[in-house]
Protein backbone atom coordinates (compact mmCIF):
# COMPACT_ATOMS: atom_id res chain seq x y z
CA MET A 1 108.20 151.68 143.01
CA LYS A 2 109.96 152.25 139.72
CA LYS A 3 112.19 149.19 140.30
CA ARG A 4 109.13 147.04 140.97
CA LYS A 5 107.53 148.16 137.67
CA ILE A 6 110.77 147.44 135.80
CA ARG A 7 111.03 144.02 137.45
CA SER A 8 107.38 143.20 136.55
CA SER A 9 107.90 144.32 132.97
CA LEU A 10 111.01 142.17 132.75
CA TYR A 11 109.11 139.13 134.06
CA PHE A 12 106.37 139.65 131.46
CA PHE A 13 108.98 140.06 128.73
CA LEU A 14 110.83 136.88 129.74
CA ALA A 15 107.57 134.94 130.02
CA ALA A 16 106.49 136.09 126.56
CA LEU A 17 109.95 135.22 125.18
CA PHE A 18 109.74 131.77 126.75
CA LEU A 19 106.27 131.12 125.29
CA PHE A 20 107.46 132.30 121.87
CA GLY A 21 110.49 130.03 122.05
CA ALA A 22 108.44 127.05 123.20
CA THR A 23 105.96 127.62 120.38
CA LEU A 24 108.79 127.91 117.87
CA VAL A 25 110.38 124.68 119.12
CA ALA A 26 107.02 122.89 118.93
CA ILE A 27 106.43 124.10 115.36
CA ILE A 28 109.92 123.10 114.23
CA ILE A 29 109.67 119.67 115.84
CA SER A 30 106.20 119.10 114.38
CA GLN A 31 107.61 119.89 110.94
CA GLY A 32 110.44 117.42 111.25
CA GLY A 33 113.07 119.52 112.96
CA SER A 34 115.16 118.28 115.86
CA VAL A 35 117.19 120.02 118.57
CA THR A 36 120.95 119.39 118.84
CA GLU A 37 123.78 120.99 120.76
CA ASP A 38 124.45 123.19 117.72
CA GLY A 39 120.83 124.29 117.33
CA PHE A 40 117.98 123.08 115.12
CA LEU A 41 118.24 120.59 112.28
CA THR A 42 115.49 120.50 109.66
CA ASN A 43 116.66 117.68 107.38
CA THR A 44 114.08 115.33 108.85
CA GLY A 45 110.39 114.62 108.43
CA VAL A 46 107.83 113.25 110.84
CA LEU A 47 106.54 109.70 110.59
CA ARG A 48 103.17 109.33 112.30
CA ILE A 49 101.93 105.81 112.89
CA ASN A 50 98.31 104.68 113.00
CA VAL A 51 97.78 101.01 113.75
CA ASP A 52 94.54 99.09 113.29
CA PRO A 53 93.34 97.65 115.69
CA ASN A 54 94.05 101.01 117.31
CA ASP A 55 94.56 99.64 120.84
CA THR A 56 97.37 97.29 119.76
CA PRO A 57 100.73 97.83 121.54
CA PHE A 58 103.45 97.78 118.87
CA THR A 59 107.16 98.24 118.27
CA LEU A 60 108.41 100.36 115.38
CA TYR A 61 111.57 99.58 113.41
CA VAL A 62 113.12 101.98 110.91
CA ASP A 63 115.70 100.32 108.64
CA ASP A 64 115.83 97.41 111.12
CA LYS A 65 116.61 99.74 114.05
CA GLN A 66 114.06 99.95 116.84
CA VAL A 67 112.68 103.41 117.47
CA GLU A 68 112.14 103.76 121.20
CA ASN A 69 110.82 107.26 121.82
CA LEU A 70 107.43 107.64 120.17
CA VAL A 71 105.59 110.86 121.09
CA ASN A 72 101.91 110.92 120.07
CA LYS A 73 102.73 108.07 117.68
CA GLY A 74 105.10 110.35 115.73
CA THR A 75 108.88 110.29 115.36
CA ASN A 76 111.48 112.31 113.43
CA ILE A 77 113.22 110.46 110.59
CA ALA A 78 115.84 111.66 108.14
CA ALA A 79 114.48 112.54 104.72
CA GLY A 80 114.65 109.75 102.14
CA VAL A 81 113.34 106.23 101.56
CA HIS A 82 113.19 104.04 104.65
CA THR A 83 111.92 100.56 105.43
CA ILE A 84 109.29 100.74 108.14
CA ARG A 85 108.40 97.60 110.08
CA ILE A 86 105.80 97.20 112.80
CA GLU A 87 105.82 94.27 115.19
CA ALA A 88 103.06 93.45 117.66
CA GLU A 89 102.66 90.41 119.89
CA GLY A 90 100.19 87.93 118.42
CA MET A 91 100.05 89.78 115.09
CA ASN A 92 101.68 89.30 111.70
CA SER A 93 104.44 91.84 111.09
CA TRP A 94 103.78 94.75 108.73
CA GLU A 95 106.48 96.23 106.50
CA LYS A 96 106.62 98.93 103.85
CA LYS A 97 109.05 101.34 102.18
CA ILE A 98 108.14 104.95 102.96
CA ASN A 99 109.55 108.10 101.36
CA ILE A 100 110.02 110.68 104.12
CA THR A 101 110.02 114.32 102.96
CA GLN A 102 111.91 117.00 104.85
CA GLY A 103 109.65 119.10 107.04
CA ILE A 104 106.53 117.06 106.16
CA VAL A 105 104.39 114.79 108.34
CA SER A 106 103.92 111.38 106.69
CA ASP A 107 100.94 109.41 107.99
CA ILE A 108 100.74 105.66 107.53
CA LEU A 109 97.96 103.28 108.47
CA ALA A 110 99.07 99.73 109.20
CA LYS A 111 96.34 97.09 109.28
CA LEU A 112 97.58 94.22 111.44
CA PHE A 113 96.14 90.70 111.32
CA PRO A 114 96.37 88.04 114.06
CA LEU A 115 98.78 85.14 113.70
CA GLU A 116 96.07 82.69 114.78
CA LEU A 117 92.53 82.92 113.44
CA ASN A 118 89.48 81.25 114.91
CA LEU A 119 86.40 80.43 112.84
CA GLU A 120 83.05 81.04 114.51
CA GLN A 121 79.89 79.70 112.83
CA ILE A 122 77.14 82.31 113.03
CA THR A 123 74.36 80.69 110.96
CA ASN A 124 72.89 77.22 110.95
CA SER A 125 71.14 77.07 107.59
CA ASN A 126 71.89 75.82 104.12
CA ILE A 127 72.68 79.18 102.53
CA PHE A 128 72.34 79.46 98.77
CA LYS A 129 73.61 82.97 98.01
CA VAL A 130 75.10 85.92 99.91
CA ALA A 131 75.29 89.68 99.29
CA PHE A 132 77.28 92.16 101.38
CA SER A 133 76.07 95.72 101.78
CA THR A 134 78.42 98.32 100.30
CA SER A 135 78.82 99.97 103.71
CA GLY A 136 79.85 96.72 105.42
CA ASP A 137 76.95 96.97 107.89
CA TYR A 138 74.88 93.98 106.78
CA ILE A 139 74.96 90.56 105.17
CA PHE A 140 71.94 89.42 103.14
CA TYR A 141 71.56 85.71 102.40
CA VAL A 142 69.12 83.35 100.72
CA VAL A 143 67.92 80.08 102.24
CA LYS A 144 65.92 77.90 99.82
CA ASP A 145 66.96 74.24 100.21
CA THR A 146 65.77 73.36 103.70
CA ALA A 147 63.17 71.07 105.21
CA ILE A 148 62.09 73.84 107.56
CA ILE A 149 59.67 75.95 105.52
CA ALA A 150 59.90 78.90 107.94
CA ASP A 151 63.64 79.17 107.25
CA GLN A 152 63.15 79.72 103.52
CA GLY A 153 63.56 83.34 102.48
CA ILE A 154 65.99 86.23 102.26
CA TRP A 155 67.58 87.09 105.60
CA ARG A 156 69.39 90.19 106.85
CA LEU A 157 72.15 90.06 109.47
CA GLN A 158 73.54 93.24 111.06
CA LEU A 159 77.30 92.94 111.55
CA ASN A 160 78.12 95.71 114.04
CA PRO A 161 75.01 96.78 115.94
CA SER A 162 75.37 99.94 118.01
CA GLY A 163 74.83 98.09 121.27
CA ILE A 164 77.54 95.52 120.69
CA PHE A 165 80.23 97.80 122.08
CA LEU A 166 78.32 98.52 125.31
CA PHE A 167 76.81 95.15 126.07
CA ASN A 168 78.74 92.75 123.83
CA THR A 169 75.50 91.18 122.59
CA ASN A 170 74.96 89.31 119.35
CA THR A 171 72.30 90.40 116.88
CA LEU A 172 70.22 87.61 115.41
CA PRO A 173 69.35 87.55 111.70
CA THR A 174 65.89 88.77 110.72
CA LYS A 175 63.86 87.72 107.70
CA PHE A 176 64.06 90.43 105.05
CA ALA A 177 61.67 88.86 102.55
CA GLU A 178 59.84 85.64 101.73
CA LEU A 179 60.75 83.76 98.58
CA ASP A 180 57.94 85.12 96.44
CA PRO A 181 56.64 82.76 93.70
CA ASP A 182 57.97 85.24 91.12
CA ILE A 183 61.41 85.26 92.75
CA MET A 184 61.86 81.52 93.29
CA PRO A 185 62.35 80.57 89.58
CA LEU A 186 65.05 83.24 89.20
CA LEU A 187 67.35 81.56 91.72
CA SER A 188 68.48 79.04 89.10
CA ASP A 189 70.16 81.86 87.16
CA THR A 190 73.91 81.54 87.81
CA ALA A 191 74.33 85.23 86.92
CA LEU A 192 71.65 86.34 89.41
CA LYS A 193 72.51 89.61 91.19
CA MET A 194 71.32 90.75 94.61
CA GLU A 195 71.90 94.48 95.07
CA PRO A 196 71.04 95.85 98.55
CA SER A 197 70.20 99.54 98.65
CA PRO A 198 72.55 101.96 100.46
CA ASP A 199 70.02 102.27 103.30
CA ASN A 200 69.76 98.43 103.48
CA ASN A 201 65.94 98.54 103.41
CA LYS A 202 65.48 97.59 99.77
CA MET A 203 67.00 95.15 97.32
CA LEU A 204 67.18 94.65 93.56
CA ILE A 205 66.94 91.06 92.27
CA ILE A 206 68.34 91.05 88.73
CA SER A 207 68.17 87.95 86.52
CA PRO A 208 69.82 88.41 83.10
CA ALA A 209 68.87 84.89 82.00
CA ASN A 210 65.18 85.57 82.61
CA ASN A 211 65.21 89.28 81.69
CA GLU A 212 63.61 90.07 85.04
CA VAL A 213 64.21 92.75 87.69
CA PHE A 214 62.33 92.79 90.98
CA LEU A 215 62.42 95.39 93.72
CA LEU A 216 62.02 94.20 97.32
CA ASN A 217 60.96 96.99 99.67
CA ASN A 218 61.32 96.23 103.38
CA LEU A 219 61.16 99.83 104.65
CA ASN A 220 58.85 98.82 107.51
CA GLY A 221 60.21 95.63 109.01
CA ASN A 222 56.88 94.88 110.75
CA GLU A 223 55.05 94.49 107.44
CA ALA A 224 55.41 92.06 104.56
CA THR A 225 58.06 93.00 102.03
CA LYS A 226 56.64 94.67 98.95
CA VAL A 227 57.66 92.94 95.71
CA ILE A 228 57.60 95.08 92.56
CA ASN A 229 58.21 93.79 89.02
CA LEU A 230 60.29 96.62 87.58
CA VAL A 231 60.24 95.21 84.04
CA SER A 232 56.46 95.63 84.10
CA GLU A 233 56.79 99.11 85.58
CA LEU A 234 59.42 100.27 83.08
CA GLY A 235 58.13 98.38 80.05
CA PHE A 236 61.51 96.78 79.22
CA PHE A 237 64.47 94.89 80.70
CA PRO A 238 67.17 97.55 81.20
CA ASN A 239 70.74 97.30 80.05
CA LYS A 240 71.75 98.27 83.61
CA ILE A 241 69.87 99.36 86.73
CA GLU A 242 71.53 100.67 89.90
CA TRP A 243 70.80 102.59 93.09
CA LEU A 244 70.87 106.38 93.10
CA ASN A 245 70.17 109.27 95.45
CA ASP A 246 70.50 107.45 98.76
CA SER A 247 68.09 104.63 97.88
CA ILE A 248 65.27 106.98 96.90
CA SER A 249 65.58 106.33 93.18
CA LEU A 250 67.13 104.10 90.52
CA LEU A 251 69.48 104.92 87.65
CA VAL A 252 68.25 103.14 84.54
CA ASP A 253 70.48 102.60 81.50
CA GLU A 254 68.77 101.59 78.27
CA GLY A 255 71.87 101.99 76.08
CA ASN A 256 70.98 105.16 74.21
CA MET A 257 68.89 106.53 77.06
CA LEU A 258 69.75 107.25 80.68
CA PHE A 259 67.13 108.30 83.22
CA GLU A 260 66.31 108.44 86.92
CA TYR A 261 63.31 106.49 88.19
CA ASP A 262 61.94 107.94 91.44
CA LEU A 263 60.56 105.20 93.69
CA THR A 264 58.48 107.59 95.79
CA ASN A 265 56.31 108.91 92.95
CA GLU A 266 57.16 106.40 90.17
CA ARG A 267 58.22 109.22 87.84
CA SER A 268 61.09 109.18 85.38
CA THR A 269 63.48 112.07 84.72
CA LEU A 270 65.48 111.93 81.49
CA ILE A 271 69.19 112.52 82.00
CA LYS A 272 70.51 111.96 78.47
CA TYR A 273 69.25 110.54 75.18
CA ASP A 274 71.40 109.97 72.12
CA PRO A 275 69.77 108.27 69.12
CA LEU A 276 73.14 107.20 67.69
CA LEU A 277 75.48 106.38 70.58
CA PRO A 278 75.25 104.70 73.99
CA VAL A 279 75.49 107.16 76.88
CA VAL A 280 78.96 107.28 78.47
CA TYR A 281 78.55 107.91 82.18
CA GLY A 282 79.63 107.05 85.70
CA HIS A 283 77.78 107.42 88.95
CA ASN A 284 77.84 106.95 92.70
CA ASN A 285 75.29 107.62 95.40
CA LEU A 286 75.96 111.38 95.16
CA HIS A 287 75.65 112.22 91.47
CA VAL A 288 75.95 111.14 87.82
CA ILE A 289 78.73 112.35 85.50
CA TRP A 290 78.17 111.90 81.75
CA PHE A 291 80.06 112.86 78.60
CA ASP A 292 78.56 115.20 76.02
CA PRO A 293 80.20 114.10 72.72
CA VAL A 294 78.88 117.13 70.81
CA ASN A 295 80.30 119.84 73.06
CA LYS A 296 83.22 117.66 74.30
CA SER A 297 82.29 118.42 77.89
CA LEU A 298 81.35 116.65 81.09
CA MET A 299 77.90 117.09 82.60
CA GLN A 300 76.79 116.54 86.18
CA TYR A 301 73.31 115.27 86.98
CA LYS A 302 72.13 115.97 90.50
CA ASN A 303 68.80 116.88 92.11
CA GLN A 304 66.99 116.14 88.82
CA SER A 305 68.96 118.67 86.77
CA ASN A 306 71.98 118.69 84.47
CA LEU A 307 74.83 121.18 84.87
CA SER A 308 77.97 121.56 82.80
CA LEU A 309 81.17 121.03 84.77
CA LEU A 310 83.36 124.13 84.41
CA LEU A 311 86.93 123.04 83.72
CA PRO A 312 88.61 126.13 82.24
CA GLU A 313 92.20 124.85 82.44
CA ILE A 314 91.49 121.36 81.13
CA VAL A 315 91.25 120.23 77.53
CA LEU A 316 89.18 117.07 77.58
CA PRO A 317 89.88 114.25 75.10
CA GLU A 318 87.88 114.19 71.88
CA GLU A 319 86.44 110.85 72.89
CA ILE A 320 85.80 109.37 76.33
CA LEU A 321 85.13 105.62 76.39
CA SER A 322 84.10 105.20 80.02
CA ILE A 323 83.65 107.12 83.27
CA SER A 324 84.05 105.64 86.77
CA LEU A 325 83.45 107.27 90.16
CA PRO A 326 84.42 106.35 93.73
CA GLN A 327 81.50 105.22 95.84
CA ASN A 328 81.36 108.02 98.43
CA ASN A 329 83.35 110.81 96.86
CA SER A 330 82.26 113.63 94.55
CA ARG A 331 85.73 115.08 93.95
CA PHE A 332 87.35 112.53 91.63
CA VAL A 333 86.38 111.12 88.23
CA LEU A 334 88.29 108.39 86.40
CA ILE A 335 87.97 108.63 82.62
CA GLU A 336 89.10 106.17 79.97
CA THR A 337 90.29 107.33 76.55
CA GLU A 338 91.63 105.37 73.59
CA THR A 339 95.21 105.67 74.83
CA ASP A 340 95.13 106.12 78.62
CA TYR A 341 93.22 106.45 81.85
CA ALA A 342 93.20 109.83 83.57
CA LEU A 343 92.13 111.06 87.00
CA LEU A 344 90.07 114.23 86.98
CA ASP A 345 90.18 116.30 90.17
CA LEU A 346 87.06 118.46 90.20
CA GLU A 347 88.26 120.44 93.22
CA LYS A 348 91.73 121.33 91.92
CA LYS A 349 90.54 121.42 88.28
CA THR A 350 93.41 119.16 87.16
CA LEU A 351 93.67 116.09 84.92
CA ILE A 352 96.35 113.54 85.82
CA GLU A 353 97.31 110.94 83.21
CA ILE A 354 97.81 107.53 84.82
CA GLY A 355 99.97 105.89 82.16
CA LEU A 356 98.04 102.66 81.52
CA ASP A 357 96.94 101.66 78.02
CA PRO A 358 93.25 100.59 78.11
CA LYS A 359 93.98 98.04 75.39
CA SER A 360 96.06 96.03 77.86
CA ASN A 361 94.70 97.18 81.22
CA SER A 362 91.14 97.08 82.54
CA LEU A 363 89.68 98.69 85.64
CA ILE A 364 88.53 96.27 88.37
CA ASP A 365 87.31 98.61 91.09
CA ILE A 366 87.83 101.86 92.99
CA SER A 367 88.21 102.00 96.77
CA ALA A 368 85.38 103.75 98.60
CA ASP A 369 87.84 106.28 100.06
CA ALA A 370 88.92 107.27 96.51
CA THR A 371 92.61 106.64 97.18
CA THR A 372 93.13 103.49 95.10
CA TYR A 373 92.21 102.52 91.54
CA LEU A 374 92.73 98.82 90.88
CA PHE A 375 93.49 97.47 87.40
CA LYS A 376 94.23 94.10 85.81
CA ASN A 377 96.51 93.77 82.78
CA ASN A 378 96.39 91.19 80.00
CA GLU A 379 98.87 89.01 81.89
CA LEU A 380 96.42 88.93 84.84
CA ARG A 381 98.71 90.99 87.03
CA LEU A 382 97.18 93.49 89.43
CA ILE A 383 98.23 97.14 89.14
CA SER A 384 97.06 99.90 91.44
CA PHE A 385 97.12 103.66 90.99
CA THR A 386 97.17 105.42 94.34
CA SER A 387 96.27 109.06 94.86
CA ILE A 388 96.94 110.40 98.37
CA GLU A 389 96.26 113.96 99.48
CA ASN A 390 99.43 115.74 100.66
CA ILE A 391 97.96 118.54 102.76
CA ALA A 392 101.31 120.10 103.65
CA LEU A 393 102.32 120.50 99.99
CA ASP A 394 98.73 121.03 98.75
CA LYS A 395 98.99 118.35 96.08
CA LEU A 396 98.13 114.76 95.26
CA ASP A 397 100.87 112.17 95.59
CA THR A 398 100.20 109.64 92.81
CA LYS A 399 101.98 106.42 91.93
CA LEU A 400 101.54 103.17 89.99
CA HIS A 401 102.23 99.87 91.77
CA GLU A 402 102.54 96.43 90.12
CA PHE A 403 101.58 93.64 92.51
CA PRO A 404 103.88 90.62 92.98
CA LEU A 405 101.09 88.11 92.31
CA THR A 406 99.20 86.79 89.33
CA LEU A 407 95.44 86.36 89.28
CA GLY A 408 93.66 83.27 88.07
CA GLU A 409 90.81 83.52 85.58
CA ILE A 410 88.21 82.84 88.27
CA ASP A 411 89.80 84.70 91.19
CA THR A 412 87.60 87.18 93.06
CA VAL A 413 88.97 90.60 94.07
CA ALA A 414 87.24 93.11 96.34
CA PHE A 415 88.00 96.25 98.35
CA ALA A 416 87.17 96.47 102.03
CA PRO A 417 84.29 98.83 102.90
CA GLN A 418 85.42 102.44 103.43
CA ARG A 419 89.10 101.46 103.04
CA ALA A 420 91.68 100.55 100.40
CA ASN A 421 92.61 97.12 101.83
CA ILE A 422 92.12 94.39 99.24
CA LEU A 423 90.77 90.85 99.60
CA ILE A 424 91.51 88.17 96.99
CA TYR A 425 89.92 84.73 96.82
CA LYS A 426 92.01 82.21 94.87
CA PRO A 427 90.06 78.94 94.51
CA GLN A 428 93.09 77.12 93.09
CA ASP A 429 94.87 77.79 96.41
CA ASN A 430 91.73 77.36 98.53
CA SER A 431 92.77 80.63 100.15
CA VAL A 432 91.63 84.16 100.88
CA TYR A 433 94.45 86.71 100.81
CA THR A 434 94.70 90.28 102.00
CA VAL A 435 97.06 92.84 100.49
CA ASP A 436 97.69 96.56 100.91
CA SER A 437 96.69 99.02 98.19
CA ASP A 438 100.26 99.17 96.85
CA GLY A 439 100.69 95.40 96.68
CA SER A 440 102.71 95.07 99.88
CA ASN A 441 101.98 92.91 102.94
CA GLN A 442 100.36 90.07 101.06
CA LEU A 443 99.03 87.58 103.59
CA ALA A 444 97.00 84.38 103.36
CA LEU A 445 94.26 85.00 105.92
CA LEU A 446 92.59 81.62 105.59
CA THR A 447 93.15 78.38 103.70
CA SER A 448 90.30 75.88 103.57
CA THR A 449 88.72 73.56 101.01
CA GLY A 450 85.30 74.82 102.10
CA LEU A 451 85.78 78.41 100.90
CA THR A 452 83.35 80.01 98.44
CA PRO A 453 83.55 83.33 96.50
CA TYR A 454 81.34 85.06 99.09
CA PHE A 455 83.42 86.98 101.64
CA GLY A 456 83.85 90.46 103.06
CA PHE A 457 84.99 92.63 105.97
CA ASP A 458 82.66 94.53 108.23
CA TYR A 459 82.98 98.31 107.95
CA GLN A 460 85.44 98.53 110.85
CA LEU A 461 87.69 95.77 109.45
CA GLY A 462 87.29 94.14 112.84
CA SER A 463 85.94 90.85 111.46
CA LEU A 464 86.00 88.84 108.25
CA TYR A 465 82.82 87.02 107.18
CA LEU A 466 82.82 84.08 104.77
CA LEU A 467 80.31 81.68 103.30
CA MET A 468 81.84 78.23 103.73
CA GLN A 469 80.83 74.68 102.94
CA ASP A 470 80.44 72.63 106.10
CA SER A 471 82.13 69.25 106.31
CA PRO A 472 79.65 66.42 105.66
CA ILE A 473 78.63 64.38 108.67
CA ASP A 474 79.03 61.25 106.58
CA THR A 475 81.92 61.46 104.07
CA THR A 476 80.28 58.76 101.94
CA THR A 477 77.32 61.09 101.29
CA PRO A 478 78.83 64.47 100.35
CA GLU A 479 75.39 65.74 99.34
CA THR A 480 74.69 66.21 103.06
CA THR A 481 76.95 69.26 103.10
CA SER A 482 75.50 72.73 103.62
CA ASN A 483 76.79 76.28 103.42
CA ASN A 484 76.94 78.61 106.41
CA ILE A 485 78.38 82.00 107.31
CA TYR A 486 81.48 82.02 109.48
CA LYS A 487 83.14 84.89 111.27
CA ILE A 488 86.84 85.49 111.95
CA ASP A 489 87.61 88.08 114.63
CA LEU A 490 90.63 90.10 113.45
CA ARG A 491 91.27 91.65 116.85
CA LEU A 492 93.31 90.07 119.63
CA ALA A 493 91.32 88.67 122.52
CA ASN A 494 91.50 90.81 125.66
């Protein structure tokens, strides 16, 4: 009896020891360790690969050597800088230098594009102007020059309807609004802006040449769109007007005065008034951040109230020239001073100097995921500042990257929705390019004489949509050309 108890205790002890050892091995391997005949080595890190499209079979090369044994898309690599290359059948190759840190998991996302692209025409109208929603869910377009009166208006096309994945059906465009008699004359303004709301049920029509702003409200698609003259409502043409608070209200900038205009009750809430200086502020759909020049502090406006941001370890500059915020992120604030740009981390309460002189570098845009800040210098070269969260080390990995391409004066640059991939339209090349946030993997996606400055990804980066000029039926009468939206599927056909 005693021997049986001893034997059972021994089994339990050995089982526990085995589980402990297995757990230890798993932890060490997950942190970049590897098992050899002499024991464990920990001079490696883990490279974890994420490929988009995510169902693409791929081959990984590290310093031109194929890595065969991928486990959960991760592999151990010696610490240091390595050249990572990804090859996939039917796709352009993807290559980047990656710094692997000992004991740390390094995640990379490789966006792959097909070698062959097919254009699919998805509208059959003469389209005048296009606006993409910030989320990448919809395209809005204007049809005005057509013999078919019923086709005139502002149309809305959903790019990735929920049922498309189950039934593979196409969603037809629906009319968002008629071309109201007050709207029609504004279309001749070359600086006309169409700003869809974040919920895609409203739109601002802004005409600087005519000093007019109209609000189109299509909240109930079964009823006629409500057209509101905001200049009449406000009593002036604003310096700037933008969406705020998830499409419920508008942020109105009148230079020395900044206020919120609530669309539900038509009431205004003053955010800041300065009789001497324009208000320095930045905003996204979550909140407004503005600079108090008297107290040398930053204020946050949210839920119709102002609160001072507590930054005990940070000495803010005496003067802040501009403030910029990522679209869907409340953690980071980019500030411009007389001598530099700096990234303010409201969570960590830190201020990181970027190292770019504002006199020779201007901000173009910020990616929606808050990882990339894109600048253009006086020589028209693109420069990005990337800020990636390193969870293992509890810090931000930041770096400046100078792109190996020069912009033209009329080139158009835009971020993809929800990502840091960059699209560039260069009319002198008749091409649309894509490039990673650090300037690597530059690729000409499409070259065509019919390209226009209107283009954008859907939110999944599964398709590219472009407004293109159709070829005339009769080349002797080029006026017969029309503009239509085309789609390029960026995924390989099954």
